[in-house]
Amino acid sequence: MCRNIRQLHNFEPPATGDEITSAALQYVRKVSGSTRPSQANQAAFDRAVAEVAEATRTLLDHLVTTAPPRDREVEAAKARARAAVRYGT
């Protein structure tokens, strides 16, 4: 899976439409092997992004968990710390 796709489930506040669309776009780019499709493929590319985003929204709406919601700022700080260790900054 593309490392730019972030987990969207169980956050407070919930994932936004922009986050879901961004994840869908990354997925379609990865699967298609193209960051910018040709004009001939643009409609199919856009339709795929919309369908993946809708499927993602449906999935997120139906998932249940007993775990407490995670805080976005805390998770972002953890990611920055991991990156600092990984890249030595």
PDB file of N, CA and C in Angstrom:
ATOM      1  N   MET A   1       0.854  -1.175   0.000  1.00  0.00           N
ATOM      2  CA  MET A   1       0.000   0.000   0.000  1.00  0.00           C
ATOM      3  C   MET A   1       0.891   1.226   0.000  1.00  0.00           C
ATOM      4  N   CYS A   2       0.409   2.247  -0.583  1.00  0.00           N
ATOM      5  CA  CYS A   2       1.141   3.498  -0.669  1.00  0.00           C
ATOM      6  C   CYS A   2       1.345   4.088   0.720  1.00  0.00           C
ATOM      7  N   ARG A   3       2.557   4.471   1.042  1.00  0.00           N
ATOM      8  CA  ARG A   3       2.808   4.970   2.395  1.00  0.00           C
ATOM      9  C   ARG A   3       2.200   6.335   2.649  1.00  0.00           C
ATOM     10  N   ASN A   4       1.753   7.034   1.612  1.00  0.00           N
ATOM     11  CA  ASN A   4       1.120   8.337   1.799  1.00  0.00           C
ATOM     12  C   ASN A   4      -0.343   8.224   2.225  1.00  0.00           C
ATOM     13  N   ILE A   5      -0.906   7.043   2.143  1.00  0.00           N
ATOM     14  CA  ILE A   5      -2.284   6.856   2.574  1.00  0.00           C
ATOM     15  C   ILE A   5      -2.267   6.651   4.087  1.00  0.00           C
ATOM     16  N   ARG A   6      -2.963   7.504   4.784  1.00  0.00           N
ATOM     17  CA  ARG A   6      -2.981   7.476   6.241  1.00  0.00           C
ATOM     18  C   ARG A   6      -4.232   6.785   6.756  1.00  0.00           C
ATOM     19  N   GLN A   7      -4.112   6.211   7.933  1.00  0.00           N
ATOM     20  CA  GLN A   7      -5.275   5.613   8.586  1.00  0.00           C
ATOM     21  C   GLN A   7      -6.272   6.723   8.899  1.00  0.00           C
ATOM     22  N   LEU A   8      -7.538   6.480   8.614  1.00  0.00           N
ATOM     23  CA  LEU A   8      -8.565   7.494   8.808  1.00  0.00           C
ATOM     24  C   LEU A   8      -9.587   7.112   9.868  1.00  0.00           C
ATOM     25  N   HIS A   9      -9.571   5.878  10.308  1.00  0.00           N
ATOM     26  CA  HIS A   9     -10.573   5.389  11.260  1.00  0.00           C
ATOM     27  C   HIS A   9     -10.204   5.714  12.700  1.00  0.00           C
ATOM     28  N   ASN A  10     -11.208   6.031  13.493  1.00  0.00           N
ATOM     29  CA  ASN A  10     -11.121   6.205  14.933  1.00  0.00           C
ATOM     30  C   ASN A  10     -10.308   7.430  15.345  1.00  0.00           C
ATOM     31  N   PHE A  11     -10.550   8.541  14.678  1.00  0.00           N
ATOM     32  CA  PHE A  11      -9.956   9.811  15.071  1.00  0.00           C
ATOM     33  C   PHE A  11     -11.040  10.754  15.533  1.00  0.00           C
ATOM     34  N   GLU A  12     -10.659  11.644  16.406  1.00  0.00           N
ATOM     35  CA  GLU A  12     -11.572  12.688  16.848  1.00  0.00           C
ATOM     36  C   GLU A  12     -10.930  14.021  16.520  1.00  0.00           C
ATOM     37  N   PRO A  13     -11.492  14.866  15.695  1.00  0.00           N
ATOM     38  CA  PRO A  13     -12.742  14.673  14.973  1.00  0.00           C
ATOM     39  C   PRO A  13     -12.567  13.666  13.836  1.00  0.00           C
ATOM     40  N   PRO A  14     -13.684  13.129  13.325  1.00  0.00           N
ATOM     41  CA  PRO A  14     -13.623  12.128  12.255  1.00  0.00           C
ATOM     42  C   PRO A  14     -12.958  12.667  10.987  1.00  0.00           C
ATOM     43  N   ALA A  15     -12.573  11.750  10.130  1.00  0.00           N
ATOM     44  CA  ALA A  15     -11.942  12.112   8.860  1.00  0.00           C
ATOM     45  C   ALA A  15     -12.849  13.042   8.063  1.00  0.00           C
ATOM     46  N   THR A  16     -12.231  14.014   7.429  1.00  0.00           N
ATOM     47  CA  THR A  16     -12.977  14.961   6.606  1.00  0.00           C
ATOM     48  C   THR A  16     -13.122  14.411   5.185  1.00  0.00           C
ATOM     49  N   GLY A  17     -13.994  15.035   4.439  1.00  0.00           N
ATOM     50  CA  GLY A  17     -14.158  14.660   3.037  1.00  0.00           C
ATOM     51  C   GLY A  17     -12.880  14.848   2.247  1.00  0.00           C
ATOM     52  N   ASP A  18     -12.135  15.898   2.558  1.00  0.00           N
ATOM     53  CA  ASP A  18     -10.863  16.142   1.870  1.00  0.00           C
ATOM     54  C   ASP A  18      -9.847  15.044   2.162  1.00  0.00           C
ATOM     55  N   GLU A  19      -9.792  14.582   3.405  1.00  0.00           N
ATOM     56  CA  GLU A  19      -8.872  13.508   3.757  1.00  0.00           C
ATOM     57  C   GLU A  19      -9.232  12.214   3.027  1.00  0.00           C
ATOM     58  N   ILE A  20     -10.507  11.949   2.950  1.00  0.00           N
ATOM     59  CA  ILE A  20     -10.969  10.735   2.268  1.00  0.00           C
ATOM     60  C   ILE A  20     -10.671  10.824   0.780  1.00  0.00           C
ATOM     61  N   THR A  21     -10.936  11.970   0.177  1.00  0.00           N
ATOM     62  CA  THR A  21     -10.658  12.147  -1.253  1.00  0.00           C
ATOM     63  C   THR A  21      -9.160  12.057  -1.532  1.00  0.00           C
ATOM     64  N   SER A  22      -8.341  12.626  -0.662  1.00  0.00           N
ATOM     65  CA  SER A  22      -6.887  12.554  -0.839  1.00  0.00           C
ATOM     66  C   SER A  22      -6.397  11.114  -0.782  1.00  0.00           C
ATOM     67  N   ALA A  23      -6.932  10.336   0.159  1.00  0.00           N
ATOM     68  CA  ALA A  23      -6.551   8.926   0.257  1.00  0.00           C
ATOM     69  C   ALA A  23      -6.994   8.168  -0.996  1.00  0.00           C
ATOM     70  N   ALA A  24      -8.195   8.468  -1.483  1.00  0.00           N
ATOM     71  CA  ALA A  24      -8.695   7.812  -2.695  1.00  0.00           C
ATOM     72  C   ALA A  24      -7.817   8.162  -3.899  1.00  0.00           C
ATOM     73  N   LEU A  25      -7.427   9.422  -3.993  1.00  0.00           N
ATOM     74  CA  LEU A  25      -6.564   9.856  -5.093  1.00  0.00           C
ATOM     75  C   LEU A  25      -5.220   9.139  -5.042  1.00  0.00           C
ATOM     76  N   GLN A  26      -4.626   9.029  -3.855  1.00  0.00           N
ATOM     77  CA  GLN A  26      -3.354   8.317  -3.719  1.00  0.00           C
ATOM     78  C   GLN A  26      -3.493   6.855  -4.123  1.00  0.00           C
ATOM     79  N   TYR A  27      -4.593   6.235  -3.715  1.00  0.00           N
ATOM     80  CA  TYR A  27      -4.827   4.832  -4.063  1.00  0.00           C
ATOM     81  C   TYR A  27      -4.950   4.659  -5.578  1.00  0.00           C
ATOM     82  N   VAL A  28      -5.755   5.499  -6.213  1.00  0.00           N
ATOM     83  CA  VAL A  28      -5.957   5.381  -7.665  1.00  0.00           C
ATOM     84  C   VAL A  28      -4.652   5.668  -8.401  1.00  0.00           C
ATOM     85  N   ARG A  29      -3.887   6.630  -7.943  1.00  0.00           N
ATOM     86  CA  ARG A  29      -2.584   6.900  -8.562  1.00  0.00           C
ATOM     87  C   ARG A  29      -1.680   5.684  -8.466  1.00  0.00           C
ATOM     88  N   LYS A  30      -1.657   5.056  -7.300  1.00  0.00           N
ATOM     89  CA  LYS A  30      -0.806   3.895  -7.098  1.00  0.00           C
ATOM     90  C   LYS A  30      -1.231   2.732  -8.001  1.00  0.00           C
ATOM     91  N   VAL A  31      -2.519   2.457  -8.016  1.00  0.00           N
ATOM     92  CA  VAL A  31      -3.027   1.326  -8.798  1.00  0.00           C
ATOM     93  C   VAL A  31      -2.846   1.562 -10.300  1.00  0.00           C
ATOM     94  N   SER A  32      -3.090   2.798 -10.739  1.00  0.00           N
ATOM     95  CA  SER A  32      -2.995   3.094 -12.170  1.00  0.00           C
ATOM     96  C   SER A  32      -1.559   3.305 -12.629  1.00  0.00           C
ATOM     97  N   GLY A  33      -0.669   3.622 -11.683  1.00  0.00           N
ATOM     98  CA  GLY A  33       0.717   3.895 -12.057  1.00  0.00           C
ATOM     99  C   GLY A  33       0.894   5.256 -12.694  1.00  0.00           C
ATOM    100  N   SER A  34      -0.070   6.148 -12.458  1.00  0.00           N
ATOM    101  CA  SER A  34      -0.037   7.459 -13.102  1.00  0.00           C
ATOM    102  C   SER A  34      -0.459   8.542 -12.125  1.00  0.00           C
ATOM    103  N   THR A  35       0.326   9.601 -12.040  1.00  0.00           N
ATOM    104  CA  THR A  35      -0.075  10.721 -11.200  1.00  0.00           C
ATOM    105  C   THR A  35      -0.962  11.694 -11.959  1.00  0.00           C
ATOM    106  N   ARG A  36      -0.760  11.755 -13.269  1.00  0.00           N
ATOM    107  CA  ARG A  36      -1.614  12.588 -14.123  1.00  0.00           C
ATOM    108  C   ARG A  36      -2.011  11.759 -15.337  1.00  0.00           C
ATOM    109  N   PRO A  37      -3.254  11.343 -15.406  1.00  0.00           N
ATOM    110  CA  PRO A  37      -3.675  10.527 -16.548  1.00  0.00           C
ATOM    111  C   PRO A  37      -3.756  11.365 -17.820  1.00  0.00           C
ATOM    112  N   SER A  38      -3.724  10.684 -18.954  1.00  0.00           N
ATOM    113  CA  SER A  38      -3.896  11.369 -20.231  1.00  0.00           C
ATOM    114  C   SER A  38      -5.331  11.879 -20.333  1.00  0.00           C
ATOM    115  N   GLN A  39      -5.565  12.771 -21.278  1.00  0.00           N
ATOM    116  CA  GLN A  39      -6.928  13.287 -21.465  1.00  0.00           C
ATOM    117  C   GLN A  39      -7.902  12.160 -21.779  1.00  0.00           C
ATOM    118  N   ALA A  40      -7.429  11.150 -22.484  1.00  0.00           N
ATOM    119  CA  ALA A  40      -8.293  10.023 -22.834  1.00  0.00           C
ATOM    120  C   ALA A  40      -8.716   9.235 -21.591  1.00  0.00           C
ATOM    121  N   ASN A  41      -7.880   9.251 -20.553  1.00  0.00           N
ATOM    122  CA  ASN A  41      -8.167   8.480 -19.350  1.00  0.00           C
ATOM    123  C   ASN A  41      -8.666   9.330 -18.178  1.00  0.00           C
ATOM    124  N   GLN A  42      -8.739  10.633 -18.336  1.00  0.00           N
ATOM    125  CA  GLN A  42      -9.087  11.524 -17.234  1.00  0.00           C
ATOM    126  C   GLN A  42     -10.455  11.205 -16.630  1.00  0.00           C
ATOM    127  N   ALA A  43     -11.457  10.965 -17.469  1.00  0.00           N
ATOM    128  CA  ALA A  43     -12.803  10.686 -16.959  1.00  0.00           C
ATOM    129  C   ALA A  43     -12.823   9.398 -16.133  1.00  0.00           C
ATOM    130  N   ALA A  44     -12.150   8.368 -16.623  1.00  0.00           N
ATOM    131  CA  ALA A  44     -12.103   7.101 -15.888  1.00  0.00           C
ATOM    132  C   ALA A  44     -11.350   7.271 -14.573  1.00  0.00           C
ATOM    133  N   PHE A  45     -10.283   8.035 -14.602  1.00  0.00           N
ATOM    134  CA  PHE A  45      -9.481   8.306 -13.405  1.00  0.00           C
ATOM    135  C   PHE A  45     -10.319   9.046 -12.359  1.00  0.00           C
ATOM    136  N   ASP A  46     -10.998  10.098 -12.783  1.00  0.00           N
ATOM    137  CA  ASP A  46     -11.834  10.884 -11.871  1.00  0.00           C
ATOM    138  C   ASP A  46     -12.982  10.057 -11.303  1.00  0.00           C
ATOM    139  N   ARG A  47     -13.580   9.225 -12.143  1.00  0.00           N
ATOM    140  CA  ARG A  47     -14.679   8.369 -11.696  1.00  0.00           C
ATOM    141  C   ARG A  47     -14.170   7.364 -10.655  1.00  0.00           C
ATOM    142  N   ALA A  48     -12.981   6.815 -10.891  1.00  0.00           N
ATOM    143  CA  ALA A  48     -12.405   5.861  -9.938  1.00  0.00           C
ATOM    144  C   ALA A  48     -12.132   6.531  -8.595  1.00  0.00           C
ATOM    145  N   VAL A  49     -11.604   7.744  -8.613  1.00  0.00           N
ATOM    146  CA  VAL A  49     -11.342   8.473  -7.360  1.00  0.00           C
ATOM    147  C   VAL A  49     -12.652   8.678  -6.608  1.00  0.00           C
ATOM    148  N   ALA A  50     -13.691   9.097  -7.308  1.00  0.00           N
ATOM    149  CA  ALA A  50     -14.983   9.334  -6.665  1.00  0.00           C
ATOM    150  C   ALA A  50     -15.558   8.042  -6.083  1.00  0.00           C
ATOM    151  N   GLU A  51     -15.455   6.945  -6.803  1.00  0.00           N
ATOM    152  CA  GLU A  51     -15.990   5.668  -6.322  1.00  0.00           C
ATOM    153  C   GLU A  51     -15.201   5.136  -5.129  1.00  0.00           C
ATOM    154  N   VAL A  52     -13.876   5.270  -5.159  1.00  0.00           N
ATOM    155  CA  VAL A  52     -13.065   4.819  -4.031  1.00  0.00           C
ATOM    156  C   VAL A  52     -13.347   5.689  -2.808  1.00  0.00           C
ATOM    157  N   ALA A  53     -13.505   6.983  -3.012  1.00  0.00           N
ATOM    158  CA  ALA A  53     -13.829   7.882  -1.899  1.00  0.00           C
ATOM    159  C   ALA A  53     -15.177   7.513  -1.293  1.00  0.00           C
ATOM    160  N   GLU A  54     -16.153   7.212  -2.118  1.00  0.00           N
ATOM    161  CA  GLU A  54     -17.477   6.823  -1.615  1.00  0.00           C
ATOM    162  C   GLU A  54     -17.400   5.502  -0.852  1.00  0.00           C
ATOM    163  N   ALA A  55     -16.660   4.542  -1.386  1.00  0.00           N
ATOM    164  CA  ALA A  55     -16.502   3.260  -0.690  1.00  0.00           C
ATOM    165  C   ALA A  55     -15.782   3.454   0.645  1.00  0.00           C
ATOM    166  N   THR A  56     -14.809   4.342   0.669  1.00  0.00           N
ATOM    167  CA  THR A  56     -14.083   4.629   1.899  1.00  0.00           C
ATOM    168  C   THR A  56     -15.001   5.274   2.929  1.00  0.00           C
ATOM    169  N   ARG A  57     -15.804   6.233   2.507  1.00  0.00           N
ATOM    170  CA  ARG A  57     -16.748   6.893   3.420  1.00  0.00           C
ATOM    171  C   ARG A  57     -17.727   5.866   3.984  1.00  0.00           C
ATOM    172  N   THR A  58     -18.240   4.976   3.137  1.00  0.00           N
ATOM    173  CA  THR A  58     -19.168   3.933   3.590  1.00  0.00           C
ATOM    174  C   THR A  58     -18.489   3.033   4.619  1.00  0.00           C
ATOM    175  N   LEU A  59     -17.262   2.636   4.334  1.00  0.00           N
ATOM    176  CA  LEU A  59     -16.518   1.793   5.259  1.00  0.00           C
ATOM    177  C   LEU A  59     -16.337   2.491   6.603  1.00  0.00           C
ATOM    178  N   LEU A  60     -15.863   3.723   6.584  1.00  0.00           N
ATOM    179  CA  LEU A  60     -15.624   4.457   7.827  1.00  0.00           C
ATOM    180  C   LEU A  60     -16.911   4.661   8.618  1.00  0.00           C
ATOM    181  N   ASP A  61     -18.015   4.881   7.923  1.00  0.00           N
ATOM    182  CA  ASP A  61     -19.299   5.077   8.593  1.00  0.00           C
ATOM    183  C   ASP A  61     -19.800   3.813   9.285  1.00  0.00           C
ATOM    184  N   HIS A  62     -19.373   2.644   8.809  1.00  0.00           N
ATOM    185  CA  HIS A  62     -19.884   1.390   9.347  1.00  0.00           C
ATOM    186  C   HIS A  62     -18.923   0.662  10.291  1.00  0.00           C
ATOM    187  N   LEU A  63     -17.670   1.107  10.373  1.00  0.00           N
ATOM    188  CA  LEU A  63     -16.731   0.460  11.290  1.00  0.00           C
ATOM    189  C   LEU A  63     -17.085   0.818  12.727  1.00  0.00           C
ATOM    190  N   VAL A  64     -16.931  -0.146  13.611  1.00  0.00           N
ATOM    191  CA  VAL A  64     -17.170   0.090  15.037  1.00  0.00           C
ATOM    192  C   VAL A  64     -15.919  -0.318  15.805  1.00  0.00           C
ATOM    193  N   THR A  65     -15.714   0.323  16.932  1.00  0.00           N
ATOM    194  CA  THR A  65     -14.577   0.000  17.782  1.00  0.00           C
ATOM    195  C   THR A  65     -14.909   0.366  19.216  1.00  0.00           C
ATOM    196  N   THR A  66     -14.258  -0.329  20.132  1.00  0.00           N
ATOM    197  CA  THR A  66     -14.418   0.014  21.542  1.00  0.00           C
ATOM    198  C   THR A  66     -13.232   0.837  22.029  1.00  0.00           C
ATOM    199  N   ALA A  67     -12.224   1.008  21.185  1.00  0.00           N
ATOM    200  CA  ALA A  67     -11.046   1.789  21.557  1.00  0.00           C
ATOM    201  C   ALA A  67     -11.402   3.275  21.602  1.00  0.00           C
ATOM    202  N   PRO A  68     -10.772   3.996  22.487  1.00  0.00           N
ATOM    203  CA  PRO A  68     -11.036   5.442  22.528  1.00  0.00           C
ATOM    204  C   PRO A  68     -10.486   6.109  21.268  1.00  0.00           C
ATOM    205  N   PRO A  69     -11.131   7.172  20.801  1.00  0.00           N
ATOM    206  CA  PRO A  69     -10.641   7.860  19.601  1.00  0.00           C
ATOM    207  C   PRO A  69      -9.248   8.433  19.834  1.00  0.00           C
ATOM    208  N   ARG A  70      -8.455   8.417  18.787  1.00  0.00           N
ATOM    209  CA  ARG A  70      -7.101   8.968  18.867  1.00  0.00           C
ATOM    210  C   ARG A  70      -7.137  10.459  18.569  1.00  0.00           C
ATOM    211  N   ASP A  71      -6.171  11.143  19.125  1.00  0.00           N
ATOM    212  CA  ASP A  71      -6.038  12.581  18.925  1.00  0.00           C
ATOM    213  C   ASP A  71      -5.113  12.829  17.735  1.00  0.00           C
ATOM    214  N   ARG A  72      -5.549  13.633  16.799  1.00  0.00           N
ATOM    215  CA  ARG A  72      -4.761  13.898  15.586  1.00  0.00           C
ATOM    216  C   ARG A  72      -3.413  14.536  15.900  1.00  0.00           C
ATOM    217  N   GLU A  73      -3.380  15.461  16.831  1.00  0.00           N
ATOM    218  CA  GLU A  73      -2.129  16.151  17.159  1.00  0.00           C
ATOM    219  C   GLU A  73      -1.121  15.205  17.797  1.00  0.00           C
ATOM    220  N   VAL A  74      -1.587  14.332  18.662  1.00  0.00           N
ATOM    221  CA  VAL A  74      -0.695  13.356  19.302  1.00  0.00           C
ATOM    222  C   VAL A  74      -0.130  12.415  18.246  1.00  0.00           C
ATOM    223  N   GLU A  75      -0.970  11.930  17.351  1.00  0.00           N
ATOM    224  CA  GLU A  75      -0.504  11.016  16.300  1.00  0.00           C
ATOM    225  C   GLU A  75       0.464  11.721  15.355  1.00  0.00           C
ATOM    226  N   ALA A  76       0.228  12.991  15.032  1.00  0.00           N
ATOM    227  CA  ALA A  76       1.138  13.756  14.170  1.00  0.00           C
ATOM    228  C   ALA A  76       2.495  13.930  14.848  1.00  0.00           C
ATOM    229  N   ALA A  77       2.488  14.178  16.153  1.00  0.00           N
ATOM    230  CA  ALA A  77       3.750  14.318  16.894  1.00  0.00           C
ATOM    231  C   ALA A  77       4.525  13.003  16.881  1.00  0.00           C
ATOM    232  N   LYS A  78       3.829  11.886  17.043  1.00  0.00           N
ATOM    233  CA  LYS A  78       4.490  10.579  16.982  1.00  0.00           C
ATOM    234  C   LYS A  78       5.111  10.350  15.605  1.00  0.00           C
ATOM    235  N   ALA A  79       4.392  10.723  14.551  1.00  0.00           N
ATOM    236  CA  ALA A  79       4.903  10.555  13.189  1.00  0.00           C
ATOM    237  C   ALA A  79       6.145  11.411  12.960  1.00  0.00           C
ATOM    238  N   ARG A  80       6.126  12.650  13.475  1.00  0.00           N
ATOM    239  CA  ARG A  80       7.296  13.519  13.333  1.00  0.00           C
ATOM    240  C   ARG A  80       8.496  12.933  14.081  1.00  0.00           C
ATOM    241  N   ALA A  81       8.267  12.357  15.248  1.00  0.00           N
ATOM    242  CA  ALA A  81       9.345  11.744  16.014  1.00  0.00           C
ATOM    243  C   ALA A  81       9.921  10.546  15.281  1.00  0.00           C
ATOM    244  N   ARG A  82       9.050   9.719  14.682  1.00  0.00           N
ATOM    245  CA  ARG A  82       9.538   8.568  13.910  1.00  0.00           C
ATOM    246  C   ARG A  82      10.358   9.033  12.708  1.00  0.00           C
ATOM    247  N   ALA A  83       9.902  10.091  12.045  1.00  0.00           N
ATOM    248  CA  ALA A  83      10.627  10.616  10.886  1.00  0.00           C
ATOM    249  C   ALA A  83      11.989  11.168  11.295  1.00  0.00           C
ATOM    250  N   ALA A  84      12.044  11.824  12.446  1.00  0.00           N
ATOM    251  CA  ALA A  84      13.314  12.379  12.915  1.00  0.00           C
ATOM    252  C   ALA A  84      14.323  11.257  13.165  1.00  0.00           C
ATOM    253  N   VAL A  85      13.846  10.160  13.746  1.00  0.00           N
ATOM    254  CA  VAL A  85      14.735   9.026  13.986  1.00  0.00           C
ATOM    255  C   VAL A  85      15.157   8.404  12.652  1.00  0.00           C
ATOM    256  N   ARG A  86      14.196   8.235  11.748  1.00  0.00           N
ATOM    257  CA  ARG A  86      14.459   7.589  10.468  1.00  0.00           C
ATOM    258  C   ARG A  86      15.441   8.396   9.614  1.00  0.00           C
ATOM    259  N   TYR A  87      15.255   9.705   9.573  1.00  0.00           N
ATOM    260  CA  TYR A  87      16.056  10.548   8.687  1.00  0.00           C
ATOM    261  C   TYR A  87      17.172  11.283   9.411  1.00  0.00           C
ATOM    262  N   GLY A  88      17.300  11.065  10.718  1.00  0.00           N
ATOM    263  CA  GLY A  88      18.396  11.652  11.463  1.00  0.00           C
ATOM    264  C   GLY A  88      18.367  13.158  11.563  1.00  0.00           C
ATOM    265  N   THR A  89      17.161  13.724  11.639  1.00  0.00           N
ATOM    266  CA  THR A  89      17.081  15.187  11.743  1.00  0.00           C
ATOM    267  C   THR A  89      16.775  15.613  13.160  1.00  0.00           C
TER     268      THR A  89
END
